[in-house]
């Protein structure tokens, strides 16, 4: 088994922490992780809004 096949640990980050000691590469990686989390959260919001809209239509009848 290659090391590349093993799951990578999630980077430890704390929102609002001091970024002075973090390299540019690590900061860029954080942006990638945060962007993907934003997409995931927005998809969940859309799913919940669609469910609420369907329930609202159902109960209006």
C-alpha atoms as a PDB file:
ATOM      1  CA  UNK A   1       0.000   0.000   0.000  1.00  0.00           C
ATOM      2  CA  UNK A   2       1.323   3.421  -0.955  1.00  0.00           C
ATOM      3  CA  UNK A   3       1.296   6.360   1.409  1.00  0.00           C
ATOM      4  CA  UNK A   4      -0.757   8.234  -1.192  1.00  0.00           C
ATOM      5  CA  UNK A   5      -3.568   5.682  -0.748  1.00  0.00           C
ATOM      6  CA  UNK A   6      -3.914   6.410   2.957  1.00  0.00           C
ATOM      7  CA  UNK A   7      -6.488   8.999   4.007  1.00  0.00           C
ATOM      8  CA  UNK A   8      -4.932  12.347   4.748  1.00  0.00           C
ATOM      9  CA  UNK A   9      -5.688  13.906   8.094  1.00  0.00           C
ATOM     10  CA  UNK A  10      -7.760  17.056   7.894  1.00  0.00           C
ATOM     11  CA  UNK A  11      -5.654  20.145   8.465  1.00  0.00           C
ATOM     12  CA  UNK A  12      -6.137  21.642  11.878  1.00  0.00           C
ATOM     13  CA  UNK A  13      -7.378  25.172  11.584  1.00  0.00           C
ATOM     14  CA  UNK A  14      -9.125  27.522  13.901  1.00  0.00           C
ATOM     15  CA  UNK A  15     -11.263  30.293  12.481  1.00  0.00           C
ATOM     16  CA  UNK A  16      -9.839  33.647  13.536  1.00  0.00           C
ATOM     17  CA  UNK A  17      -6.420  32.342  14.570  1.00  0.00           C
ATOM     18  CA  UNK A  18      -3.266  34.366  13.916  1.00  0.00           C
ATOM     19  CA  UNK A  19      -2.021  33.610  10.404  1.00  0.00           C
ATOM     20  CA  UNK A  20       1.467  35.134  10.743  1.00  0.00           C
ATOM     21  CA  UNK A  21       3.274  31.813  11.224  1.00  0.00           C
ATOM     22  CA  UNK A  22       1.452  29.967   8.434  1.00  0.00           C
ATOM     23  CA  UNK A  23       3.116  29.550   5.031  1.00  0.00           C
ATOM     24  CA  UNK A  24       1.596  30.753   1.777  1.00  0.00           C
ATOM     25  CA  UNK A  25       1.088  27.138   0.659  1.00  0.00           C
ATOM     26  CA  UNK A  26      -0.781  26.328   3.869  1.00  0.00           C
ATOM     27  CA  UNK A  27      -2.909  29.452   3.510  1.00  0.00           C
ATOM     28  CA  UNK A  28      -3.779  28.490  -0.064  1.00  0.00           C
ATOM     29  CA  UNK A  29      -4.729  25.004   1.150  1.00  0.00           C
ATOM     30  CA  UNK A  30      -6.995  26.566   3.768  1.00  0.00           C
ATOM     31  CA  UNK A  31      -8.750  28.547   1.061  1.00  0.00           C
ATOM     32  CA  UNK A  32      -9.372  25.340  -0.900  1.00  0.00           C
ATOM     33  CA  UNK A  33     -10.752  23.590   2.188  1.00  0.00           C
ATOM     34  CA  UNK A  34     -12.916  26.551   3.171  1.00  0.00           C
ATOM     35  CA  UNK A  35     -14.246  26.992  -0.383  1.00  0.00           C
ATOM     36  CA  UNK A  36     -15.281  23.333  -0.517  1.00  0.00           C
ATOM     37  CA  UNK A  37     -16.957  23.664   2.889  1.00  0.00           C
ATOM     38  CA  UNK A  38     -18.870  26.729   1.682  1.00  0.00           C
ATOM     39  CA  UNK A  39     -20.115  24.753  -1.329  1.00  0.00           C
ATOM     40  CA  UNK A  40     -21.158  21.864   0.939  1.00  0.00           C
ATOM     41  CA  UNK A  41     -23.001  24.158   3.364  1.00  0.00           C
ATOM     42  CA  UNK A  42     -24.772  26.026   0.552  1.00  0.00           C
ATOM     43  CA  UNK A  43     -25.924  22.702  -0.924  1.00  0.00           C
ATOM     44  CA  UNK A  44     -27.339  21.696   2.463  1.00  0.00           C
ATOM     45  CA  UNK A  45     -29.135  25.040   2.767  1.00  0.00           C
ATOM     46  CA  UNK A  46     -30.650  24.574  -0.706  1.00  0.00           C
ATOM     47  CA  UNK A  47     -31.769  21.052   0.202  1.00  0.00           C
ATOM     48  CA  UNK A  48     -33.420  22.251   3.394  1.00  0.00           C
ATOM     49  CA  UNK A  49     -35.083  25.184   1.644  1.00  0.00           C
ATOM     50  CA  UNK A  50     -36.470  22.835  -1.023  1.00  0.00           C
ATOM     51  CA  UNK A  51     -37.838  20.539   1.677  1.00  0.00           C
ATOM     52  CA  UNK A  52     -39.468  23.459   3.465  1.00  0.00           C
ATOM     53  CA  UNK A  53     -40.969  24.757   0.219  1.00  0.00           C
ATOM     54  CA  UNK A  54     -42.409  21.311  -0.541  1.00  0.00           C
ATOM     55  CA  UNK A  55     -43.882  21.076   2.957  1.00  0.00           C
ATOM     56  CA  UNK A  56     -45.335  24.562   2.684  1.00  0.00           C
ATOM     57  CA  UNK A  57     -47.037  23.627  -0.627  1.00  0.00           C
ATOM     58  CA  UNK A  58     -48.352  20.383   0.829  1.00  0.00           C
ATOM     59  CA  UNK A  59     -49.878  21.997   3.888  1.00  0.00           C
ATOM     60  CA  UNK A  60     -51.408  24.958   2.005  1.00  0.00           C
ATOM     61  CA  UNK A  61     -53.852  22.652   0.243  1.00  0.00           C
END
